[in-house]
C-alpha atoms as a PDB file:
ATOM      1  CA  GLU A   1      -0.041  -0.380  -0.185  1.00  0.00           C
ATOM      2  CA  ASP A   2       1.167   3.463  -0.893  1.00  0.00           C
ATOM      3  CA  GLU A   3       2.644   5.498   1.981  1.00  0.00           C
ATOM      4  CA  ASP A   4       1.070   8.553   1.087  1.00  0.00           C
ATOM      5  CA  ASP A   5      -2.255   6.310   1.230  1.00  0.00           C
ATOM      6  CA  VAL A   6      -1.605   5.316   4.642  1.00  0.00           C
ATOM      7  CA  VAL A   7      -0.861   9.143   5.933  1.00  0.00           C
ATOM      8  CA  ASP A   8      -4.237  10.331   4.336  1.00  0.00           C
ATOM      9  CA  LYS A   9      -6.356   7.741   5.561  1.00  0.00           C
ATOM     10  CA  TYR A  10      -4.890   8.044   8.863  1.00  0.00           C
ATOM     11  CA  ALA A  11      -5.673  11.819   9.027  1.00  0.00           C
ATOM     12  CA  VAL A  12      -9.220  10.648   7.744  1.00  0.00           C
ATOM     13  CA  SER A  13      -9.715   8.498  10.889  1.00  0.00           C
ATOM     14  CA  ILE A  14      -8.748  11.076  12.988  1.00  0.00           C
ATOM     15  CA  ILE A  15     -11.041  13.856  11.979  1.00  0.00           C
ATOM     16  CA  SER A  16     -13.777  10.887  11.930  1.00  0.00           C
ATOM     17  CA  GLN A  17     -13.191   9.652  15.223  1.00  0.00           C
ATOM     18  CA  ARG A  18     -16.575  10.105  17.789  1.00  0.00           C
ATOM     19  CA  PRO A  19     -15.958  12.603  20.214  1.00  0.00           C
ATOM     20  CA  THR A  20     -15.341   9.987  23.262  1.00  0.00           C
ATOM     21  CA  THR A  21     -11.890   9.485  22.929  1.00  0.00           C
ATOM     22  CA  THR A  22     -11.137  13.182  23.838  1.00  0.00           C
ATOM     23  CA  GLY A  23      -7.869  13.501  25.607  1.00  0.00           C
ATOM     24  CA  LYS A  24      -5.740  11.008  23.461  1.00  0.00           C
ATOM     25  CA  MET A  25      -7.299  11.745  20.133  1.00  0.00           C
ATOM     26  CA  ARG A  26      -7.438  15.787  20.568  1.00  0.00           C
ATOM     27  CA  THR A  27      -3.460  15.502  21.123  1.00  0.00           C
ATOM     28  CA  ILE A  28      -2.843  13.567  18.172  1.00  0.00           C
ATOM     29  CA  LEU A  29      -5.088  15.942  16.070  1.00  0.00           C
ATOM     30  CA  LEU A  30      -2.972  18.848  17.368  1.00  0.00           C
ATOM     31  CA  ALA A  31      -0.188  17.276  16.159  1.00  0.00           C
ATOM     32  CA  TYR A  32      -1.359  16.593  12.572  1.00  0.00           C
ATOM     33  CA  LEU A  33      -2.756  20.140  12.061  1.00  0.00           C
ATOM     34  CA  ALA A  34       0.819  21.444  13.247  1.00  0.00           C
ATOM     35  CA  ILE A  35       2.390  19.658  10.568  1.00  0.00           C
ATOM     36  CA  CYS A  36      -0.158  21.133   8.140  1.00  0.00           C
ATOM     37  CA  ILE A  37       0.018  24.998   9.713  1.00  0.00           C
ATOM     38  CA  THR A  38       3.805  24.900   8.848  1.00  0.00           C
ATOM     39  CA  THR A  39       2.904  25.417   5.140  1.00  0.00           C
ATOM     40  CA  THR A  40       1.785  29.407   5.606  1.00  0.00           C
ATOM     41  CA  ALA A  41       0.803  29.279   1.974  1.00  0.00           C
ATOM     42  CA  ALA A  42      -1.535  31.804   0.609  1.00  0.00           C
ATOM     43  CA  PHE A  43      -3.455  28.935  -1.216  1.00  0.00           C
ATOM     44  CA  ALA A  44      -3.231  26.626   1.917  1.00  0.00           C
ATOM     45  CA  PRO A  45      -3.582  23.596  -0.156  1.00  0.00           C
ATOM     46  CA  PRO A  46      -3.910  20.171   1.682  1.00  0.00           C
ATOM     47  CA  ALA A  47      -0.641  18.799   3.448  1.00  0.00           C
ATOM     48  CA  PHE A  48      -1.235  15.693   3.366  1.00  0.00           C
ATOM     49  CA  GLY A  49       1.267  12.733   2.277  1.00  0.00           C
ATOM     50  CA  LEU A  50       5.102  11.938   3.829  1.00  0.00           C
ATOM     51  CA  GLY A  51       6.167  14.941   2.022  1.00  0.00           C
ATOM     52  CA  ALA A  52       4.143  17.062   4.639  1.00  0.00           C
ATOM     53  CA  LEU A  53       6.412  15.435   7.248  1.00  0.00           C
ATOM     54  CA  PHE A  54       9.672  17.023   5.958  1.00  0.00           C
ATOM     55  CA  ARG A  55       8.632  20.226   4.625  1.00  0.00           C
ATOM     56  CA  PRO A  56      10.607  23.290   5.469  1.00  0.00           C
ATOM     57  CA  PRO A  57       9.001  25.934   7.783  1.00  0.00           C
ATOM     58  CA  ASN A  58       7.645  28.959   6.315  1.00  0.00           C
ATOM     59  CA  ILE A  59       6.801  27.790   2.879  1.00  0.00           C
ATOM     60  CA  LYS A  60       4.070  30.048   0.891  1.00  0.00           C
ATOM     61  CA  ILE A  61       2.371  29.340  -2.408  1.00  0.00           C
ATOM     62  CA  ILE A  62       1.625  32.513  -3.784  1.00  0.00           C
ATOM     63  CA  LYS A  63       0.351  34.195  -7.298  1.00  0.00           C
ATOM     64  CA  SER A  64       3.243  36.394  -8.874  1.00  0.00           C
ATOM     65  CA  ASP A  65       0.262  38.578 -10.068  1.00  0.00           C
ATOM     66  CA  GLY A  66       2.258  39.338 -13.280  1.00  0.00           C
ATOM     67  CA  ILE A  67       5.725  40.299 -11.335  1.00  0.00           C
ATOM     68  CA  ARG A  68       8.443  38.698 -10.045  1.00  0.00           C
ATOM     69  CA  LEU A  69       9.051  37.074 -13.591  1.00  0.00           C
ATOM     70  CA  GLU A  70      12.487  37.569 -14.273  1.00  0.00           C
ATOM     71  CA  GLU A  71      13.421  36.119 -10.838  1.00  0.00           C
ATOM     72  CA  ALA A  72      11.397  33.147 -11.808  1.00  0.00           C
ATOM     73  CA  GLY A  73      12.492  32.988 -14.926  1.00  0.00           C
ATOM     74  CA  LYS A  74      16.269  32.501 -13.954  1.00  0.00           C
ATOM     75  CA  PHE A  75      15.092  30.129 -11.338  1.00  0.00           C
ATOM     76  CA  PHE A  76      13.360  27.973 -13.965  1.00  0.00           C
ATOM     77  CA  VAL A  77      16.429  27.794 -16.018  1.00  0.00           C
ATOM     78  CA  ASP A  78      18.384  26.255 -12.825  1.00  0.00           C
ATOM     79  CA  ALA A  79      15.680  23.845 -11.780  1.00  0.00           C
ATOM     80  CA  PHE A  80      14.368  22.767 -15.257  1.00  0.00           C
ATOM     81  CA  TRP A  81      16.893  23.231 -18.111  1.00  0.00           C
ATOM     82  CA  THR A  82      20.166  22.084 -15.741  1.00  0.00           C
ATOM     83  CA  GLY A  83      20.188  18.374 -15.972  1.00  0.00           C
ATOM     84  CA  LYS A  84      17.083  18.407 -17.967  1.00  0.00           C
ATOM     85  CA  VAL A  85      15.379  14.729 -18.467  1.00  0.00           C
ATOM     86  CA  GLY A  86      16.463  13.408 -21.980  1.00  0.00           C
ATOM     87  CA  GLY A  87      20.201  14.112 -21.635  1.00  0.00           C
ATOM     88  CA  GLY A  88      20.857  17.701 -20.618  1.00  0.00           C
ATOM     89  CA  ALA A  89      24.159  18.996 -19.403  1.00  0.00           C
ATOM     90  CA  ASP A  90      24.583  18.787 -15.947  1.00  0.00           C
ATOM     91  CA  THR A  91      26.279  22.117 -15.917  1.00  0.00           C
ATOM     92  CA  LEU A  92      25.218  24.940 -18.154  1.00  0.00           C
ATOM     93  CA  SER A  93      27.784  27.141 -19.731  1.00  0.00           C
ATOM     94  CA  PRO A  94      27.544  30.841 -19.227  1.00  0.00           C
ATOM     95  CA  LYS A  95      26.481  31.075 -22.533  1.00  0.00           C
ATOM     96  CA  GLN A  96      24.185  28.736 -22.223  1.00  0.00           C
ATOM     97  CA  ALA A  97      22.715  30.092 -18.912  1.00  0.00           C
ATOM     98  CA  PHE A  98      22.626  33.816 -20.563  1.00  0.00           C
ATOM     99  CA  GLN A  99      20.250  32.376 -23.807  1.00  0.00           C
ATOM    100  CA  LEU A 100      18.275  30.165 -21.752  1.00  0.00           C
ATOM    101  CA  GLU A 101      17.431  33.052 -19.162  1.00  0.00           C
ATOM    102  CA  ARG A 102      16.944  35.659 -21.816  1.00  0.00           C
ATOM    103  CA  GLN A 103      14.245  33.175 -23.670  1.00  0.00           C
ATOM    104  CA  GLN A 104      12.610  32.204 -20.186  1.00  0.00           C
ATOM    105  CA  VAL A 105      11.879  35.372 -18.977  1.00  0.00           C
ATOM    106  CA  ALA A 106      10.700  36.911 -22.182  1.00  0.00           C
ATOM    107  CA  GLU A 107       8.204  33.919 -22.396  1.00  0.00           C
ATOM    108  CA  PHE A 108       6.936  34.059 -19.021  1.00  0.00           C
ATOM    109  CA  SER A 109       6.578  37.906 -19.726  1.00  0.00           C
ATOM    110  CA  LYS A 110       4.306  36.830 -22.644  1.00  0.00           C
ATOM    111  CA  ARG A 111       2.431  34.336 -20.817  1.00  0.00           C
ATOM    112  CA  TYR A 112       1.910  35.685 -17.417  1.00  0.00           C
ATOM    113  CA  ARG A 113       2.497  39.412 -17.481  1.00  0.00           C
ATOM    114  CA  ARG A 114      -0.350  41.216 -15.696  1.00  0.00           C
ATOM    115  CA  ARG A 115      -2.637  42.735 -18.652  1.00  0.00           C
ATOM    116  CA  ALA A 116      -5.436  45.396 -17.805  1.00  0.00           C
ATOM    117  CA  ALA A 117      -8.393  44.342 -16.312  1.00  0.00           C
ATOM    118  CA  LYS A 118     -11.652  43.994 -18.398  1.00  0.00           C
ATOM    119  CA  GLN A 119     -13.695  44.610 -15.267  1.00  0.00           C
ATOM    120  CA  SER A 120     -13.246  45.651 -11.895  1.00  0.00           C
ATOM    121  CA  GLY A 121     -13.539  43.645  -8.422  1.00  0.00           C
ATOM    122  CA  ARG A 122     -12.409  40.744  -6.864  1.00  0.00           C
ATOM    123  CA  LEU A 123     -12.563  37.562  -8.231  1.00  0.00           C
ATOM    124  CA  PRO A 124     -14.219  34.150  -6.183  1.00  0.00           C
ATOM    125  CA  GLY A 125     -11.857  32.536  -3.891  1.00  0.00           C
ATOM    126  CA  ASN A 126      -9.499  32.840  -0.778  1.00  0.00           C
ATOM    127  CA  TYR A 127      -6.157  33.835  -2.398  1.00  0.00           C
ATOM    128  CA  ALA A 128      -3.570  36.543  -1.406  1.00  0.00           C
ATOM    129  CA  GLY A 129      -3.529  37.903  -4.772  1.00  0.00           C
ATOM    130  CA  GLN A 130      -6.497  37.960  -7.314  1.00  0.00           C
ATOM    131  CA  SER A 131      -6.109  37.591 -10.980  1.00  0.00           C
ATOM    132  CA  LEU A 132      -6.798  40.935 -12.964  1.00  0.00           C
ATOM    133  CA  ASP A 133      -6.635  38.934 -16.286  1.00  0.00           C
ATOM    134  CA  SER A 134      -8.509  35.265 -15.788  1.00  0.00           C
ATOM    135  CA  SER A 135      -6.437  33.799 -18.877  1.00  0.00           C
ATOM    136  CA  SER A 136      -2.958  33.364 -17.108  1.00  0.00           C
ATOM    137  CA  GLU A 137      -1.590  33.306 -13.590  1.00  0.00           C
ATOM    138  CA  LEU A 138       2.397  31.824 -12.882  1.00  0.00           C
ATOM    139  CA  VAL A 139       2.161  30.444  -9.034  1.00  0.00           C
ATOM    140  CA  LEU A 140       5.334  30.822  -6.937  1.00  0.00           C
ATOM    141  CA  CYS A 141       6.659  28.638  -3.963  1.00  0.00           C
ATOM    142  CA  VAL A 142       8.773  30.941  -1.915  1.00  0.00           C
ATOM    143  CA  ASN A 143      10.944  29.971   1.422  1.00  0.00           C
ATOM    144  CA  GLY A 144      11.269  31.854   4.553  1.00  0.00           C
ATOM    145  CA  SER A 145      13.809  34.048   3.002  1.00  0.00           C
ATOM    146  CA  ASP A 146      11.164  34.839   0.036  1.00  0.00           C
ATOM    147  CA  GLU A 147      12.996  32.889  -2.593  1.00  0.00           C
ATOM    148  CA  VAL A 148      11.304  31.343  -5.312  1.00  0.00           C
ATOM    149  CA  ILE A 149      11.849  27.725  -4.810  1.00  0.00           C
ATOM    150  CA  GLY A 150       9.264  26.631  -7.112  1.00  0.00           C
ATOM    151  CA  CYS A 151       6.562  27.431  -9.840  1.00  0.00           C
ATOM    152  CA  ALA A 152       3.964  26.438 -11.776  1.00  0.00           C
ATOM    153  CA  GLY A 153       1.885  28.455 -14.452  1.00  0.00           C
ATOM    154  CA  VAL A 154      -1.598  27.785 -15.398  1.00  0.00           C
ATOM    155  CA  GLU A 155      -3.517  29.681 -18.613  1.00  0.00           C
ATOM    156  CA  VAL A 156      -6.633  29.321 -20.465  1.00  0.00           C
ATOM    157  CA  SER A 157      -5.189  27.969 -24.460  1.00  0.00           C
ATOM    158  CA  ARG A 158      -6.204  26.031 -27.257  1.00  0.00           C
ATOM    159  CA  ILE A 159      -6.001  22.169 -26.248  1.00  0.00           C
ATOM    160  CA  LYS A 160      -5.315  19.860 -29.434  1.00  0.00           C
ATOM    161  CA  LYS A 161      -7.801  17.100 -29.877  1.00  0.00           C
ATOM    162  CA  MET A 162      -5.604  14.966 -31.921  1.00  0.00           C
ATOM    163  CA  ASP A 163      -8.890  13.492 -33.599  1.00  0.00           C
ATOM    164  CA  GLY A 164      -7.290  13.638 -37.505  1.00  0.00           C
ATOM    165  CA  TYR A 165      -9.072  16.894 -38.284  1.00  0.00           C
ATOM    166  CA  ASP A 166      -6.620  19.239 -36.526  1.00  0.00           C
ATOM    167  CA  SER A 167      -9.052  20.834 -34.142  1.00  0.00           C
ATOM    168  CA  SER A 168      -8.772  22.296 -30.563  1.00  0.00           C
ATOM    169  CA  PHE A 169     -10.676  23.527 -27.930  1.00  0.00           C
ATOM    170  CA  SER A 170     -10.338  26.337 -25.158  1.00  0.00           C
ATOM    171  CA  GLY A 171      -9.438  25.269 -21.661  1.00  0.00           C
ATOM    172  CA  PRO A 172      -6.656  25.719 -18.737  1.00  0.00           C
ATOM    173  CA  LEU A 173      -3.469  24.160 -19.647  1.00  0.00           C
ATOM    174  CA  MET A 174      -0.697  23.929 -16.899  1.00  0.00           C
ATOM    175  CA  SER A 175       2.885  24.130 -17.538  1.00  0.00           C
ATOM    176  CA  ASN A 176       6.267  25.211 -16.289  1.00  0.00           C
ATOM    177  CA  LEU A 177       6.047  23.014 -12.999  1.00  0.00           C
ATOM    178  CA  ALA A 178       9.832  23.143 -11.191  1.00  0.00           C
ATOM    179  CA  ILE A 179      11.173  22.787  -7.920  1.00  0.00           C
ATOM    180  CA  SER A 180      14.557  23.330  -6.836  1.00  0.00           C
ATOM    181  CA  ARG A 181      16.933  20.739  -6.052  1.00  0.00           C
ATOM    182  CA  LYS A 182      17.213  21.348  -2.894  1.00  0.00           C
ATOM    183  CA  TYR A 183      13.237  21.181  -2.142  1.00  0.00           C
ATOM    184  CA  ARG A 184      12.088  18.342  -3.834  1.00  0.00           C
ATOM    185  CA  ARG A 185      10.281  15.126  -2.147  1.00  0.00           C
ATOM    186  CA  LYS A 186       8.683  17.512   0.013  1.00  0.00           C
ATOM    187  CA  GLY A 187       5.168  17.645  -1.086  1.00  0.00           C
ATOM    188  CA  LEU A 188       5.824  20.958  -2.685  1.00  0.00           C
ATOM    189  CA  ALA A 189       5.268  19.980  -6.270  1.00  0.00           C
ATOM    190  CA  GLU A 190       1.831  18.797  -5.332  1.00  0.00           C
ATOM    191  CA  ASP A 191       1.208  21.978  -3.652  1.00  0.00           C
ATOM    192  CA  LEU A 192       1.673  23.908  -7.051  1.00  0.00           C
ATOM    193  CA  VAL A 193      -0.386  21.793  -8.993  1.00  0.00           C
ATOM    194  CA  LYS A 194      -3.202  21.894  -6.624  1.00  0.00           C
ATOM    195  CA  ALA A 195      -2.952  25.814  -6.620  1.00  0.00           C
ATOM    196  CA  ALA A 196      -3.161  25.412 -10.171  1.00  0.00           C
ATOM    197  CA  GLU A 197      -6.135  23.572 -10.443  1.00  0.00           C
ATOM    198  CA  ASN A 198      -7.658  25.949  -7.571  1.00  0.00           C
ATOM    199  CA  ILE A 199      -7.303  28.920 -10.073  1.00  0.00           C
ATOM    200  CA  ALA A 200      -8.921  26.938 -13.225  1.00  0.00           C
ATOM    201  CA  ARG A 201     -11.716  25.715 -11.249  1.00  0.00           C
ATOM    202  CA  ARG A 202     -12.667  28.366  -8.342  1.00  0.00           C
ATOM    203  CA  GLU A 203     -11.875  31.633 -10.326  1.00  0.00           C
ATOM    204  CA  TRP A 204     -12.224  30.709 -14.270  1.00  0.00           C
ATOM    205  CA  GLY A 205     -14.737  27.969 -13.726  1.00  0.00           C
ATOM    206  CA  TYR A 206     -13.463  25.225 -15.478  1.00  0.00           C
ATOM    207  CA  ASP A 207     -14.286  21.499 -14.778  1.00  0.00           C
ATOM    208  CA  ASP A 208     -10.913  19.988 -16.546  1.00  0.00           C
ATOM    209  CA  CYS A 209      -7.655  20.694 -16.404  1.00  0.00           C
ATOM    210  CA  TYR A 210      -4.746  19.887 -18.728  1.00  0.00           C
ATOM    211  CA  LEU A 211      -1.062  19.511 -19.083  1.00  0.00           C
ATOM    212  CA  TYR A 212       1.649  18.312 -21.598  1.00  0.00           C
ATOM    213  CA  VAL A 213       4.750  16.318 -20.596  1.00  0.00           C
ATOM    214  CA  GLU A 214       7.318  14.768 -22.151  1.00  0.00           C
ATOM    215  CA  LYS A 215       6.721  11.037 -22.379  1.00  0.00           C
ATOM    216  CA  ARG A 216      10.604  10.172 -21.042  1.00  0.00           C
ATOM    217  CA  ASN A 217       9.828  12.310 -18.247  1.00  0.00           C
ATOM    218  CA  THR A 218       8.626   9.608 -16.107  1.00  0.00           C
ATOM    219  CA  PRO A 219       9.039  11.126 -12.738  1.00  0.00           C
ATOM    220  CA  ALA A 220       6.482  14.026 -13.858  1.00  0.00           C
ATOM    221  CA  ILE A 221       3.992  11.427 -15.406  1.00  0.00           C
ATOM    222  CA  LYS A 222       4.006   9.309 -12.214  1.00  0.00           C
ATOM    223  CA  LEU A 223       3.294  12.690 -10.016  1.00  0.00           C
ATOM    224  CA  TYR A 224       0.390  13.524 -12.249  1.00  0.00           C
ATOM    225  CA  GLN A 225      -0.553  10.170 -12.350  1.00  0.00           C
ATOM    226  CA  LYS A 226      -0.555  10.090  -8.670  1.00  0.00           C
ATOM    227  CA  LEU A 227      -2.838  13.467  -8.617  1.00  0.00           C
ATOM    228  CA  GLY A 228      -5.533  12.239 -10.726  1.00  0.00           C
ATOM    229  CA  TYR A 229      -4.446  13.049 -14.348  1.00  0.00           C
ATOM    230  CA  LYS A 230      -4.993  10.388 -17.109  1.00  0.00           C
ATOM    231  CA  SER A 231      -3.283  10.510 -20.629  1.00  0.00           C
ATOM    232  CA  ILE A 232      -5.354  11.074 -23.757  1.00  0.00           C
ATOM    233  CA  TRP A 233      -3.236  11.420 -26.255  1.00  0.00           C
ATOM    234  CA  GLU A 234       0.458  11.186 -27.676  1.00  0.00           C
ATOM    235  CA  ASP A 235       2.339  13.346 -30.266  1.00  0.00           C
ATOM    236  CA  ASP A 236       5.905  12.120 -31.327  1.00  0.00           C
ATOM    237  CA  SER A 237       6.310  14.398 -33.570  1.00  0.00           C
ATOM    238  CA  ALA A 238       7.014  17.401 -30.996  1.00  0.00           C
ATOM    239  CA  THR A 239      10.734  19.119 -30.504  1.00  0.00           C
ATOM    240  CA  THR A 240      12.138  20.570 -27.479  1.00  0.00           C
ATOM    241  CA  LEU A 241      15.708  22.036 -26.554  1.00  0.00           C
ATOM    242  CA  LEU A 242      18.122  20.372 -25.152  1.00  0.00           C
ATOM    243  CA  PRO A 243      21.573  22.132 -23.748  1.00  0.00           C
ATOM    244  CA  THR A 244      24.255  19.745 -24.592  1.00  0.00           C
ATOM    245  CA  GLY A 245      27.668  19.212 -22.445  1.00  0.00           C
ATOM    246  CA  ASP A 246      29.640  20.768 -25.730  1.00  0.00           C
ATOM    247  CA  GLY A 247      27.922  24.019 -25.038  1.00  0.00           C
ATOM    248  CA  ARG A 248      24.967  23.992 -27.398  1.00  0.00           C
ATOM    249  CA  ILE A 249      21.695  24.430 -26.888  1.00  0.00           C
ATOM    250  CA  ALA A 250      20.120  21.490 -29.527  1.00  0.00           C
ATOM    251  CA  ASN A 251      16.687  21.055 -30.966  1.00  0.00           C
ATOM    252  CA  GLY A 252      15.699  17.408 -30.982  1.00  0.00           C
ATOM    253  CA  LYS A 253      12.747  15.096 -31.326  1.00  0.00           C
ATOM    254  CA  THR A 254      10.474  14.066 -28.437  1.00  0.00           C
ATOM    255  CA  THR A 255       7.128  12.227 -27.756  1.00  0.00           C
ATOM    256  CA  ILE A 256       4.590  14.928 -26.033  1.00  0.00           C
ATOM    257  CA  VAL A 257       1.813  13.208 -23.473  1.00  0.00           C
ATOM    258  CA  CYS A 258      -1.467  15.499 -23.405  1.00  0.00           C
ATOM    259  CA  MET A 259      -2.800  14.630 -19.360  1.00  0.00           C
ATOM    260  CA  LYS A 260      -6.325  15.513 -18.079  1.00  0.00           C
ATOM    261  CA  LYS A 261      -7.912  15.800 -14.908  1.00  0.00           C
ATOM    262  CA  ARG A 262     -11.791  16.282 -14.003  1.00  0.00           C
ATOM    263  CA  ILE A 263     -11.296  19.194 -11.242  1.00  0.00           C
ATOM    264  CA  GLY A 264     -15.123  20.263 -10.890  1.00  0.00           C
ATOM    265  CA  ALA A 265     -17.590  17.318 -10.263  1.00  0.00           C
ATOM    266  CA  GLY A 266     -16.759  16.427  -6.598  1.00  0.00           C
ATOM    267  CA  LEU A 267     -14.803  13.419  -5.162  1.00  0.00           C
ATOM    268  CA  PHE A 268     -15.843  11.092  -7.784  1.00  0.00           C
ATOM    269  CA  GLY A 269     -15.644  13.363 -10.865  1.00  0.00           C
ATOM    270  CA  ASN A 270     -12.426  12.008 -12.310  1.00  0.00           C
ATOM    271  CA  LEU A 271     -13.530   8.533 -12.370  1.00  0.00           C
ATOM    272  CA  PHE A 272     -15.893   9.241 -15.182  1.00  0.00           C
ATOM    273  CA  GLY A 273     -13.769  11.975 -16.859  1.00  0.00           C
END
């Protein structure tokens, strides 16, 4: 049985106990809540799983609100492009780092820079920042020193159907998920995914969330499957950048997997999505 499942079931059993076992159960419940509260996140995603036991203190999940994009772009180059799955160089040359940082910051600015609001007023949801433009958001994970240690983006985009007719539809697409090597295996990637899903569901009103991931990125696919995502199609004609050990940034072939999760139909929604 998966260890994360054991922790989750244990948490549920604590909450569902009858109030007759007050003393001992109160102590256990308070200890459990203390673990959850260590994530003082704006989005406050559930801190379940073994990762919560090793979570650093004072971690926050916040919206970028169109700012800190340069900082996030430089972080992403180190966390994602260095040692990229598929044979990427373990260390980037100064030229590679400069080129990738320039491209990544430009991409983040194009996708997530705050644009003028079409209407005033707060959007639904208890969040630290409220999206002025409901088409895109970059979510950041910051540590106690306010350093970016993780990120995930979500935007309303065109999703391919791959039905032979080159058709597509509009929906929330999650991308650019990365966690600093120092902070991996602590449940933070799950928190960022859930925060992006909350935006897509609670603020934008979508029932499904989509993502693209390279088929050879097995750890990422396993994470998404654990969180309820299912593969709906593959595209073996895609290309990707790959920093090489000789200082180049090559353009190579890869297979992209599109995954989908039902986020708006309650507890059993993903069983039928």
